[in-house]
Amino acid sequence: MLALSERLGHALQDAGRTLCVAESCTGGGLAEAITAIAGSSAWFECGWVTYTNAAKMRLLGVPSAVFAEHGAVSGPCVAAMSAGALERAEADYAVAISGIAGPGGGSTEKPVGTVWIAWRFRGQAAVASSASRVGEAGTDRRPGPSFMSVKFHFSGDRLAVRDQAVVMAMQGVLNHLETGGWFDGAAAD
């Protein structure tokens, strides 16, 4: 994970871009991975750990209707989290993560290992990819920030789920910096 953090940091710095994060199930793990690299203040602006729905509403402006209609582990929730983060920060990129790391808390509809990640870019992107390894993705094609949210199903224990989410979150930003798309070579479902 450290090598990926270094690659992401160099890519952000080379592009003159900065990043902010909004985390739930990873509990600050993404911010920790990014700031493990010396000099990360050059590309990492800030982060929010919004573990409860109340914190997501209060700190990031997630509408209460999102929780009533979709739940905290959903595309609309991470979309609102990433939008709220980008509105509150001066960063170029925002990443939001919400999921069920386990061992409990899962359901038939949202089993343990279900994690939604959203990426948002304030600038103009060459291409906004719409792709998912698991079949659910969305791309915001309206003017403004480039956006993508993806639902993942990770396996393993709580730590493994959280680590996989952190890696995917960083990989999405790195791909966007390197290719203009969120996921290289992946086809839309």
N, C-alpha and C. Protein backbone atom coordinates (compact mmCIF):
# COMPACT_ATOMS: atom_id res chain seq x y z
N MET A 1 0.82 -1.19 0.00
CA MET A 1 0.00 0.00 0.00
C MET A 1 0.87 1.26 0.00
N LEU A 2 2.02 1.19 0.66
CA LEU A 2 2.91 2.34 0.72
C LEU A 2 3.41 2.74 -0.67
N ALA A 3 3.71 1.76 -1.50
CA ALA A 3 4.18 2.05 -2.86
C ALA A 3 3.09 2.76 -3.66
N LEU A 4 1.84 2.33 -3.50
CA LEU A 4 0.72 2.98 -4.19
C LEU A 4 0.54 4.40 -3.68
N SER A 5 0.66 4.59 -2.37
CA SER A 5 0.56 5.94 -1.80
C SER A 5 1.64 6.85 -2.37
N GLU A 6 2.85 6.33 -2.50
CA GLU A 6 3.95 7.12 -3.07
C GLU A 6 3.67 7.47 -4.53
N ARG A 7 3.20 6.48 -5.29
CA ARG A 7 2.87 6.74 -6.71
C ARG A 7 1.79 7.80 -6.84
N LEU A 8 0.76 7.67 -6.01
CA LEU A 8 -0.33 8.64 -6.05
C LEU A 8 0.18 10.03 -5.67
N GLY A 9 0.98 10.11 -4.63
CA GLY A 9 1.52 11.39 -4.21
C GLY A 9 2.36 12.05 -5.29
N HIS A 10 3.22 11.27 -5.93
CA HIS A 10 4.05 11.82 -7.02
C HIS A 10 3.17 12.28 -8.19
N ALA A 11 2.15 11.49 -8.53
CA ALA A 11 1.27 11.85 -9.65
C ALA A 11 0.49 13.13 -9.34
N LEU A 12 -0.02 13.24 -8.12
CA LEU A 12 -0.74 14.46 -7.73
C LEU A 12 0.19 15.66 -7.76
N GLN A 13 1.37 15.51 -7.21
CA GLN A 13 2.33 16.62 -7.17
C GLN A 13 2.77 17.02 -8.58
N ASP A 14 3.06 16.04 -9.42
CA ASP A 14 3.47 16.32 -10.80
C ASP A 14 2.38 17.06 -11.57
N ALA A 15 1.12 16.73 -11.28
CA ALA A 15 -0.01 17.37 -11.97
C ALA A 15 -0.43 18.68 -11.31
N GLY A 16 0.16 18.99 -10.16
CA GLY A 16 -0.23 20.20 -9.44
C GLY A 16 -1.63 20.10 -8.87
N ARG A 17 -2.04 18.90 -8.49
CA ARG A 17 -3.39 18.64 -7.97
C ARG A 17 -3.36 18.28 -6.49
N THR A 18 -4.49 18.48 -5.83
CA THR A 18 -4.61 18.12 -4.42
C THR A 18 -5.84 17.25 -4.21
N LEU A 19 -5.88 16.60 -3.05
CA LEU A 19 -6.90 15.60 -2.74
C LEU A 19 -7.47 15.84 -1.35
N CYS A 20 -8.77 15.59 -1.22
CA CYS A 20 -9.41 15.52 0.10
C CYS A 20 -10.22 14.23 0.14
N VAL A 21 -10.52 13.74 1.34
CA VAL A 21 -11.22 12.47 1.48
C VAL A 21 -12.36 12.59 2.48
N ALA A 22 -13.40 11.78 2.26
CA ALA A 22 -14.53 11.66 3.18
C ALA A 22 -14.72 10.17 3.41
N GLU A 23 -14.47 9.72 4.64
CA GLU A 23 -14.46 8.29 4.93
C GLU A 23 -15.52 7.91 5.95
N SER A 24 -16.00 6.69 5.82
CA SER A 24 -16.87 6.11 6.83
C SER A 24 -16.25 4.79 7.30
N CYS A 25 -16.48 3.69 6.59
CA CYS A 25 -16.04 2.37 7.07
C CYS A 25 -14.52 2.23 7.18
N THR A 26 -13.76 3.04 6.48
CA THR A 26 -12.30 2.96 6.56
C THR A 26 -11.75 3.74 7.76
N GLY A 27 -12.58 4.52 8.40
CA GLY A 27 -12.22 5.17 9.65
C GLY A 27 -10.95 5.99 9.64
N GLY A 28 -10.65 6.63 8.54
CA GLY A 28 -9.44 7.43 8.43
C GLY A 28 -8.27 6.69 7.80
N GLY A 29 -8.49 5.45 7.41
CA GLY A 29 -7.43 4.65 6.82
C GLY A 29 -6.89 5.21 5.52
N LEU A 30 -7.76 5.82 4.71
CA LEU A 30 -7.30 6.41 3.46
C LEU A 30 -6.40 7.61 3.74
N ALA A 31 -6.84 8.48 4.64
CA ALA A 31 -6.02 9.64 5.01
C ALA A 31 -4.69 9.17 5.62
N GLU A 32 -4.74 8.12 6.42
CA GLU A 32 -3.52 7.59 7.02
C GLU A 32 -2.55 7.07 5.96
N ALA A 33 -3.07 6.34 4.97
CA ALA A 33 -2.21 5.81 3.91
C ALA A 33 -1.57 6.94 3.10
N ILE A 34 -2.34 7.97 2.82
CA ILE A 34 -1.83 9.09 2.03
C ILE A 34 -0.78 9.87 2.81
N THR A 35 -1.05 10.11 4.09
CA THR A 35 -0.13 10.94 4.88
C THR A 35 1.05 10.14 5.45
N ALA A 36 1.12 8.86 5.15
CA ALA A 36 2.30 8.07 5.53
C ALA A 36 3.52 8.49 4.72
N ILE A 37 3.28 9.22 3.64
CA ILE A 37 4.35 9.67 2.75
C ILE A 37 4.82 11.05 3.19
N ALA A 38 6.11 11.19 3.42
CA ALA A 38 6.68 12.49 3.80
C ALA A 38 6.39 13.51 2.70
N GLY A 39 6.01 14.70 3.10
CA GLY A 39 5.71 15.76 2.14
C GLY A 39 4.30 15.73 1.61
N SER A 40 3.44 14.88 2.17
CA SER A 40 2.08 14.73 1.65
C SER A 40 1.25 15.99 1.76
N SER A 41 1.67 16.95 2.57
CA SER A 41 0.91 18.20 2.65
C SER A 41 0.93 18.95 1.32
N ALA A 42 1.81 18.58 0.42
CA ALA A 42 1.86 19.20 -0.91
C ALA A 42 0.69 18.75 -1.78
N TRP A 43 0.09 17.60 -1.48
CA TRP A 43 -1.00 17.10 -2.31
C TRP A 43 -2.23 16.66 -1.54
N PHE A 44 -2.15 16.54 -0.22
CA PHE A 44 -3.31 16.14 0.58
C PHE A 44 -3.77 17.33 1.40
N GLU A 45 -5.03 17.76 1.16
CA GLU A 45 -5.53 18.93 1.88
C GLU A 45 -6.17 18.59 3.21
N CYS A 46 -7.15 17.69 3.20
CA CYS A 46 -7.88 17.41 4.44
C CYS A 46 -8.75 16.17 4.27
N GLY A 47 -9.32 15.74 5.39
CA GLY A 47 -10.22 14.60 5.36
C GLY A 47 -11.24 14.67 6.47
N TRP A 48 -12.33 13.97 6.25
CA TRP A 48 -13.40 13.85 7.23
C TRP A 48 -13.64 12.37 7.49
N VAL A 49 -13.76 11.99 8.75
CA VAL A 49 -14.21 10.65 9.11
C VAL A 49 -15.62 10.83 9.65
N THR A 50 -16.59 10.45 8.83
CA THR A 50 -18.00 10.63 9.18
C THR A 50 -18.63 9.25 9.33
N TYR A 51 -18.46 8.69 10.50
CA TYR A 51 -18.87 7.30 10.73
C TYR A 51 -20.38 7.17 10.90
N THR A 52 -21.03 8.19 11.45
CA THR A 52 -22.48 8.12 11.64
C THR A 52 -23.20 8.92 10.56
N ASN A 53 -24.48 8.60 10.39
CA ASN A 53 -25.29 9.36 9.43
C ASN A 53 -25.37 10.83 9.85
N ALA A 54 -25.50 11.07 11.17
CA ALA A 54 -25.58 12.44 11.66
C ALA A 54 -24.32 13.23 11.28
N ALA A 55 -23.16 12.61 11.39
CA ALA A 55 -21.92 13.29 11.01
C ALA A 55 -21.87 13.55 9.51
N LYS A 56 -22.35 12.59 8.73
CA LYS A 56 -22.37 12.78 7.27
C LYS A 56 -23.25 13.98 6.91
N MET A 57 -24.39 14.11 7.60
CA MET A 57 -25.29 15.24 7.34
C MET A 57 -24.67 16.55 7.82
N ARG A 58 -24.17 16.56 9.05
CA ARG A 58 -23.68 17.79 9.66
C ARG A 58 -22.38 18.29 9.02
N LEU A 59 -21.44 17.40 8.77
CA LEU A 59 -20.12 17.82 8.30
C LEU A 59 -19.99 17.89 6.78
N LEU A 60 -20.77 17.06 6.07
CA LEU A 60 -20.64 17.01 4.61
C LEU A 60 -21.91 17.42 3.87
N GLY A 61 -22.98 17.68 4.60
CA GLY A 61 -24.21 18.13 3.96
C GLY A 61 -24.99 17.05 3.23
N VAL A 62 -24.79 15.78 3.60
CA VAL A 62 -25.56 14.70 2.97
C VAL A 62 -27.02 14.86 3.39
N PRO A 63 -27.95 14.95 2.44
CA PRO A 63 -29.36 15.12 2.78
C PRO A 63 -29.92 13.90 3.52
N SER A 64 -30.77 14.13 4.52
CA SER A 64 -31.36 13.03 5.28
C SER A 64 -32.15 12.09 4.38
N ALA A 65 -32.70 12.61 3.29
CA ALA A 65 -33.48 11.78 2.37
C ALA A 65 -32.62 10.67 1.75
N VAL A 66 -31.33 10.90 1.60
CA VAL A 66 -30.43 9.88 1.04
C VAL A 66 -30.45 8.63 1.92
N PHE A 67 -30.41 8.83 3.24
CA PHE A 67 -30.40 7.69 4.16
C PHE A 67 -31.75 6.98 4.16
N ALA A 68 -32.83 7.76 4.11
CA ALA A 68 -34.17 7.17 4.12
C ALA A 68 -34.43 6.36 2.85
N GLU A 69 -33.96 6.85 1.72
CA GLU A 69 -34.25 6.21 0.44
C GLU A 69 -33.23 5.15 0.03
N HIS A 70 -31.96 5.34 0.39
CA HIS A 70 -30.90 4.47 -0.12
C HIS A 70 -30.01 3.84 0.95
N GLY A 71 -29.93 4.47 2.11
CA GLY A 71 -29.04 4.01 3.17
C GLY A 71 -27.67 4.63 3.06
N ALA A 72 -26.87 4.44 4.11
CA ALA A 72 -25.52 5.02 4.14
C ALA A 72 -24.56 4.31 3.21
N VAL A 73 -24.81 3.03 2.96
CA VAL A 73 -23.95 2.25 2.07
C VAL A 73 -24.63 2.23 0.70
N SER A 74 -24.40 3.29 -0.06
CA SER A 74 -25.09 3.43 -1.35
C SER A 74 -24.35 4.42 -2.24
N GLY A 75 -24.63 4.33 -3.52
CA GLY A 75 -24.08 5.28 -4.48
C GLY A 75 -24.48 6.71 -4.18
N PRO A 76 -25.79 6.97 -3.93
CA PRO A 76 -26.18 8.35 -3.62
C PRO A 76 -25.49 8.92 -2.38
N CYS A 77 -25.23 8.07 -1.39
CA CYS A 77 -24.56 8.56 -0.18
C CYS A 77 -23.12 8.98 -0.48
N VAL A 78 -22.34 8.11 -1.15
CA VAL A 78 -20.95 8.50 -1.44
C VAL A 78 -20.88 9.64 -2.45
N ALA A 79 -21.87 9.73 -3.33
CA ALA A 79 -21.92 10.87 -4.26
C ALA A 79 -22.08 12.17 -3.48
N ALA A 80 -23.00 12.16 -2.52
CA ALA A 80 -23.22 13.36 -1.70
C ALA A 80 -22.03 13.65 -0.80
N MET A 81 -21.40 12.60 -0.27
CA MET A 81 -20.20 12.79 0.57
C MET A 81 -19.08 13.43 -0.24
N SER A 82 -18.85 12.94 -1.46
CA SER A 82 -17.76 13.49 -2.28
C SER A 82 -18.06 14.92 -2.70
N ALA A 83 -19.33 15.20 -3.01
CA ALA A 83 -19.72 16.57 -3.38
C ALA A 83 -19.54 17.51 -2.19
N GLY A 84 -19.97 17.06 -1.02
CA GLY A 84 -19.82 17.88 0.19
C GLY A 84 -18.36 18.14 0.52
N ALA A 85 -17.53 17.13 0.35
CA ALA A 85 -16.10 17.30 0.63
C ALA A 85 -15.48 18.32 -0.33
N LEU A 86 -15.81 18.20 -1.61
CA LEU A 86 -15.22 19.11 -2.60
C LEU A 86 -15.73 20.54 -2.40
N GLU A 87 -16.98 20.69 -1.96
CA GLU A 87 -17.53 22.02 -1.69
C GLU A 87 -16.83 22.68 -0.51
N ARG A 88 -16.41 21.88 0.46
CA ARG A 88 -15.83 22.41 1.68
C ARG A 88 -14.31 22.55 1.63
N ALA A 89 -13.69 21.93 0.67
CA ALA A 89 -12.23 21.95 0.56
C ALA A 89 -11.82 22.73 -0.68
N GLU A 90 -10.56 23.02 -0.77
CA GLU A 90 -10.03 23.67 -1.96
C GLU A 90 -9.28 22.68 -2.84
N ALA A 91 -9.52 21.40 -2.60
CA ALA A 91 -8.82 20.35 -3.33
C ALA A 91 -9.39 20.18 -4.74
N ASP A 92 -8.62 19.52 -5.58
CA ASP A 92 -9.05 19.21 -6.95
C ASP A 92 -9.83 17.91 -7.00
N TYR A 93 -9.47 16.95 -6.14
CA TYR A 93 -10.11 15.64 -6.10
C TYR A 93 -10.73 15.41 -4.73
N ALA A 94 -11.86 14.69 -4.73
CA ALA A 94 -12.45 14.19 -3.49
C ALA A 94 -12.75 12.72 -3.69
N VAL A 95 -12.49 11.94 -2.66
CA VAL A 95 -12.83 10.52 -2.65
C VAL A 95 -13.69 10.28 -1.43
N ALA A 96 -14.78 9.53 -1.60
CA ALA A 96 -15.66 9.19 -0.48
C ALA A 96 -15.84 7.68 -0.43
N ILE A 97 -15.86 7.13 0.79
CA ILE A 97 -15.99 5.69 1.01
C ILE A 97 -17.04 5.43 2.08
N SER A 98 -17.95 4.50 1.81
CA SER A 98 -18.92 4.04 2.81
C SER A 98 -19.20 2.57 2.55
N GLY A 99 -19.18 1.77 3.60
CA GLY A 99 -19.38 0.34 3.40
C GLY A 99 -19.62 -0.42 4.68
N ILE A 100 -19.64 -1.73 4.55
CA ILE A 100 -19.84 -2.64 5.67
C ILE A 100 -18.59 -3.50 5.78
N ALA A 101 -17.73 -3.16 6.71
CA ALA A 101 -16.46 -3.86 6.86
C ALA A 101 -16.59 -5.16 7.65
N GLY A 102 -17.65 -5.28 8.45
CA GLY A 102 -17.88 -6.50 9.22
C GLY A 102 -17.21 -6.46 10.58
N PRO A 103 -17.28 -7.53 11.32
CA PRO A 103 -17.84 -8.82 10.90
C PRO A 103 -19.36 -8.85 10.86
N GLY A 104 -20.03 -7.94 11.57
CA GLY A 104 -21.49 -7.89 11.55
C GLY A 104 -21.97 -6.71 10.73
N GLY A 105 -23.28 -6.52 10.73
CA GLY A 105 -23.87 -5.36 10.07
C GLY A 105 -24.34 -5.59 8.65
N GLY A 106 -24.03 -6.74 8.08
CA GLY A 106 -24.44 -7.02 6.71
C GLY A 106 -25.87 -7.52 6.62
N SER A 107 -26.38 -7.54 5.42
CA SER A 107 -27.72 -8.07 5.14
C SER A 107 -27.66 -8.82 3.82
N THR A 108 -28.76 -9.42 3.43
CA THR A 108 -28.81 -10.11 2.14
C THR A 108 -28.56 -9.13 1.01
N GLU A 109 -29.16 -7.95 1.11
CA GLU A 109 -29.02 -6.92 0.07
C GLU A 109 -27.63 -6.27 0.09
N LYS A 110 -27.10 -6.07 1.30
CA LYS A 110 -25.79 -5.43 1.47
C LYS A 110 -24.96 -6.28 2.42
N PRO A 111 -24.34 -7.35 1.88
CA PRO A 111 -23.54 -8.22 2.75
C PRO A 111 -22.24 -7.56 3.21
N VAL A 112 -21.65 -8.13 4.25
CA VAL A 112 -20.34 -7.67 4.70
C VAL A 112 -19.39 -7.68 3.50
N GLY A 113 -18.61 -6.64 3.37
CA GLY A 113 -17.70 -6.50 2.24
C GLY A 113 -18.22 -5.57 1.16
N THR A 114 -19.50 -5.16 1.28
CA THR A 114 -20.07 -4.20 0.33
C THR A 114 -19.50 -2.82 0.65
N VAL A 115 -18.86 -2.21 -0.33
CA VAL A 115 -18.27 -0.88 -0.15
C VAL A 115 -18.54 -0.05 -1.39
N TRP A 116 -19.06 1.14 -1.19
CA TRP A 116 -19.23 2.11 -2.27
C TRP A 116 -18.10 3.13 -2.19
N ILE A 117 -17.53 3.45 -3.33
CA ILE A 117 -16.50 4.49 -3.40
C ILE A 117 -16.90 5.47 -4.50
N ALA A 118 -16.76 6.76 -4.21
CA ALA A 118 -17.02 7.81 -5.20
C ALA A 118 -15.76 8.64 -5.37
N TRP A 119 -15.51 9.02 -6.62
CA TRP A 119 -14.40 9.90 -6.97
C TRP A 119 -14.98 11.12 -7.66
N ARG A 120 -14.49 12.27 -7.33
CA ARG A 120 -14.98 13.51 -7.93
C ARG A 120 -13.78 14.39 -8.24
N PHE A 121 -13.79 14.98 -9.45
CA PHE A 121 -12.71 15.86 -9.90
C PHE A 121 -13.30 17.21 -10.25
N ARG A 122 -12.72 18.26 -9.73
CA ARG A 122 -13.23 19.61 -9.92
C ARG A 122 -12.96 20.14 -11.33
N GLY A 123 -11.89 19.72 -11.97
CA GLY A 123 -11.49 20.26 -13.26
C GLY A 123 -12.11 19.54 -14.44
N GLN A 124 -11.57 19.80 -15.59
CA GLN A 124 -12.04 19.17 -16.82
C GLN A 124 -11.29 17.86 -17.01
N ALA A 125 -12.02 16.80 -17.20
CA ALA A 125 -11.40 15.49 -17.42
C ALA A 125 -11.45 15.16 -18.90
N ALA A 126 -10.44 14.45 -19.37
CA ALA A 126 -10.42 14.03 -20.77
C ALA A 126 -11.59 13.09 -21.06
N VAL A 127 -11.81 12.14 -20.18
CA VAL A 127 -12.88 11.16 -20.32
C VAL A 127 -13.36 10.82 -18.93
N ALA A 128 -14.65 10.70 -18.75
CA ALA A 128 -15.17 10.22 -17.47
C ALA A 128 -15.62 8.78 -17.69
N SER A 129 -14.82 7.83 -17.25
CA SER A 129 -15.13 6.41 -17.43
C SER A 129 -16.32 6.00 -16.60
N SER A 130 -17.08 5.08 -17.11
CA SER A 130 -18.14 4.46 -16.34
C SER A 130 -17.87 2.97 -16.35
N ALA A 131 -17.28 2.46 -15.27
CA ALA A 131 -16.90 1.05 -15.26
C ALA A 131 -16.91 0.51 -13.86
N SER A 132 -17.16 -0.79 -13.76
CA SER A 132 -17.17 -1.43 -12.46
C SER A 132 -16.78 -2.88 -12.59
N ARG A 133 -16.02 -3.34 -11.63
CA ARG A 133 -15.68 -4.76 -11.60
C ARG A 133 -16.88 -5.57 -11.13
N VAL A 134 -17.86 -4.94 -10.52
CA VAL A 134 -18.97 -5.68 -9.94
C VAL A 134 -20.32 -5.34 -10.55
N GLY A 135 -20.35 -4.48 -11.52
CA GLY A 135 -21.58 -4.28 -12.26
C GLY A 135 -22.43 -3.09 -11.91
N GLU A 136 -22.03 -2.24 -10.98
CA GLU A 136 -22.83 -1.06 -10.69
C GLU A 136 -21.92 0.16 -10.74
N ALA A 137 -22.17 1.04 -11.68
CA ALA A 137 -21.37 2.25 -11.77
C ALA A 137 -22.23 3.38 -12.29
N GLY A 138 -21.80 4.60 -12.05
CA GLY A 138 -22.52 5.75 -12.56
C GLY A 138 -21.55 6.85 -12.89
N THR A 139 -21.81 7.55 -13.97
CA THR A 139 -20.96 8.68 -14.33
C THR A 139 -21.83 9.91 -14.47
N ASP A 140 -21.44 10.96 -13.79
CA ASP A 140 -22.15 12.22 -13.84
C ASP A 140 -21.70 12.96 -15.09
N ARG A 141 -22.56 13.10 -16.08
CA ARG A 141 -22.16 13.73 -17.34
C ARG A 141 -22.59 15.20 -17.41
N ARG A 142 -23.11 15.75 -16.31
CA ARG A 142 -23.46 17.16 -16.28
C ARG A 142 -22.21 18.01 -16.25
N PRO A 143 -22.31 19.27 -16.65
CA PRO A 143 -21.15 20.14 -16.56
C PRO A 143 -20.67 20.23 -15.12
N GLY A 144 -19.39 20.43 -14.95
CA GLY A 144 -18.83 20.52 -13.61
C GLY A 144 -17.86 19.39 -13.36
N PRO A 145 -17.72 19.00 -12.11
CA PRO A 145 -16.72 17.99 -11.78
C PRO A 145 -17.00 16.65 -12.43
N SER A 146 -15.96 16.00 -12.85
CA SER A 146 -16.04 14.63 -13.33
C SER A 146 -16.32 13.76 -12.11
N PHE A 147 -17.16 12.74 -12.26
CA PHE A 147 -17.62 11.95 -11.11
C PHE A 147 -17.81 10.49 -11.48
N MET A 148 -17.55 9.63 -10.52
CA MET A 148 -17.87 8.21 -10.68
C MET A 148 -18.07 7.58 -9.32
N SER A 149 -19.05 6.69 -9.21
CA SER A 149 -19.21 5.89 -8.00
C SER A 149 -19.30 4.43 -8.39
N VAL A 150 -18.70 3.57 -7.55
CA VAL A 150 -18.65 2.14 -7.85
C VAL A 150 -18.96 1.36 -6.58
N LYS A 151 -19.74 0.31 -6.75
CA LYS A 151 -20.03 -0.62 -5.66
C LYS A 151 -19.08 -1.81 -5.78
N PHE A 152 -18.34 -2.07 -4.71
CA PHE A 152 -17.41 -3.20 -4.66
C PHE A 152 -17.90 -4.23 -3.67
N HIS A 153 -17.50 -5.47 -3.89
CA HIS A 153 -17.73 -6.55 -2.93
C HIS A 153 -16.36 -7.12 -2.59
N PHE A 154 -15.82 -6.73 -1.45
CA PHE A 154 -14.52 -7.19 -1.02
C PHE A 154 -14.68 -8.40 -0.10
N SER A 155 -13.65 -9.23 -0.06
CA SER A 155 -13.70 -10.41 0.80
C SER A 155 -12.65 -10.29 1.90
N GLY A 156 -12.79 -11.17 2.89
CA GLY A 156 -11.84 -11.19 4.00
C GLY A 156 -12.44 -10.62 5.26
N ASP A 157 -11.58 -10.48 6.27
CA ASP A 157 -12.02 -9.94 7.55
C ASP A 157 -12.12 -8.42 7.48
N ARG A 158 -12.47 -7.81 8.60
CA ARG A 158 -12.69 -6.37 8.67
C ARG A 158 -11.48 -5.58 8.15
N LEU A 159 -10.30 -5.95 8.60
CA LEU A 159 -9.09 -5.24 8.16
C LEU A 159 -8.87 -5.40 6.66
N ALA A 160 -9.09 -6.59 6.14
CA ALA A 160 -8.90 -6.84 4.71
C ALA A 160 -9.87 -6.01 3.88
N VAL A 161 -11.13 -5.94 4.30
CA VAL A 161 -12.14 -5.14 3.58
C VAL A 161 -11.72 -3.68 3.57
N ARG A 162 -11.33 -3.17 4.71
CA ARG A 162 -10.93 -1.77 4.81
C ARG A 162 -9.69 -1.48 3.96
N ASP A 163 -8.71 -2.37 4.02
CA ASP A 163 -7.49 -2.17 3.22
C ASP A 163 -7.78 -2.20 1.72
N GLN A 164 -8.64 -3.12 1.29
CA GLN A 164 -8.99 -3.19 -0.14
C GLN A 164 -9.71 -1.91 -0.58
N ALA A 165 -10.56 -1.37 0.29
CA ALA A 165 -11.25 -0.12 -0.04
C ALA A 165 -10.26 1.03 -0.18
N VAL A 166 -9.30 1.10 0.72
CA VAL A 166 -8.29 2.16 0.65
C VAL A 166 -7.48 2.05 -0.65
N VAL A 167 -7.07 0.85 -0.99
CA VAL A 167 -6.30 0.64 -2.22
C VAL A 167 -7.11 1.05 -3.44
N MET A 168 -8.37 0.62 -3.53
CA MET A 168 -9.21 0.98 -4.68
C MET A 168 -9.44 2.48 -4.76
N ALA A 169 -9.63 3.12 -3.62
CA ALA A 169 -9.85 4.56 -3.60
C ALA A 169 -8.64 5.29 -4.17
N MET A 170 -7.44 4.89 -3.75
CA MET A 170 -6.23 5.52 -4.28
C MET A 170 -6.03 5.19 -5.75
N GLN A 171 -6.31 3.95 -6.13
CA GLN A 171 -6.11 3.53 -7.52
C GLN A 171 -7.00 4.31 -8.47
N GLY A 172 -8.23 4.60 -8.06
CA GLY A 172 -9.13 5.38 -8.92
C GLY A 172 -8.58 6.76 -9.22
N VAL A 173 -8.07 7.45 -8.21
CA VAL A 173 -7.49 8.78 -8.42
C VAL A 173 -6.25 8.68 -9.30
N LEU A 174 -5.41 7.70 -9.01
CA LEU A 174 -4.19 7.52 -9.81
C LEU A 174 -4.52 7.26 -11.27
N ASN A 175 -5.50 6.40 -11.52
CA ASN A 175 -5.91 6.14 -12.91
C ASN A 175 -6.39 7.41 -13.59
N HIS A 176 -7.18 8.22 -12.88
CA HIS A 176 -7.70 9.46 -13.46
C HIS A 176 -6.56 10.41 -13.81
N LEU A 177 -5.57 10.48 -12.95
CA LEU A 177 -4.41 11.34 -13.22
C LEU A 177 -3.62 10.84 -14.42
N GLU A 178 -3.50 9.53 -14.56
CA GLU A 178 -2.67 8.95 -15.62
C GLU A 178 -3.39 8.79 -16.95
N THR A 179 -4.71 8.56 -16.93
CA THR A 179 -5.42 8.24 -18.17
C THR A 179 -6.62 9.14 -18.47
N GLY A 180 -7.08 9.91 -17.49
CA GLY A 180 -8.30 10.69 -17.66
C GLY A 180 -9.55 9.90 -17.35
N GLY A 181 -9.41 8.60 -17.09
CA GLY A 181 -10.54 7.75 -16.71
C GLY A 181 -10.31 7.19 -15.33
N TRP A 182 -11.35 6.71 -14.71
CA TRP A 182 -11.22 6.22 -13.33
C TRP A 182 -10.66 4.80 -13.29
N PHE A 183 -11.02 3.97 -14.26
CA PHE A 183 -10.51 2.60 -14.27
C PHE A 183 -10.07 2.22 -15.66
N ASP A 184 -8.78 1.97 -15.82
CA ASP A 184 -8.17 1.59 -17.09
C ASP A 184 -8.80 0.35 -17.69
N GLY A 185 -9.20 0.42 -18.92
CA GLY A 185 -9.60 -0.75 -19.68
C GLY A 185 -10.83 -1.47 -19.21
N ALA A 186 -11.52 -0.96 -18.21
CA ALA A 186 -12.73 -1.63 -17.73
C ALA A 186 -13.90 -1.20 -18.60
N ALA A 187 -14.78 -2.13 -18.86
CA ALA A 187 -15.94 -1.84 -19.70
C ALA A 187 -17.14 -1.50 -18.84
N ALA A 188 -17.97 -0.63 -19.33
CA ALA A 188 -19.20 -0.29 -18.62
C ALA A 188 -20.15 -1.46 -18.64
N ASP A 189 -20.84 -1.65 -17.54
CA ASP A 189 -21.84 -2.72 -17.47
C ASP A 189 -23.21 -2.17 -17.75
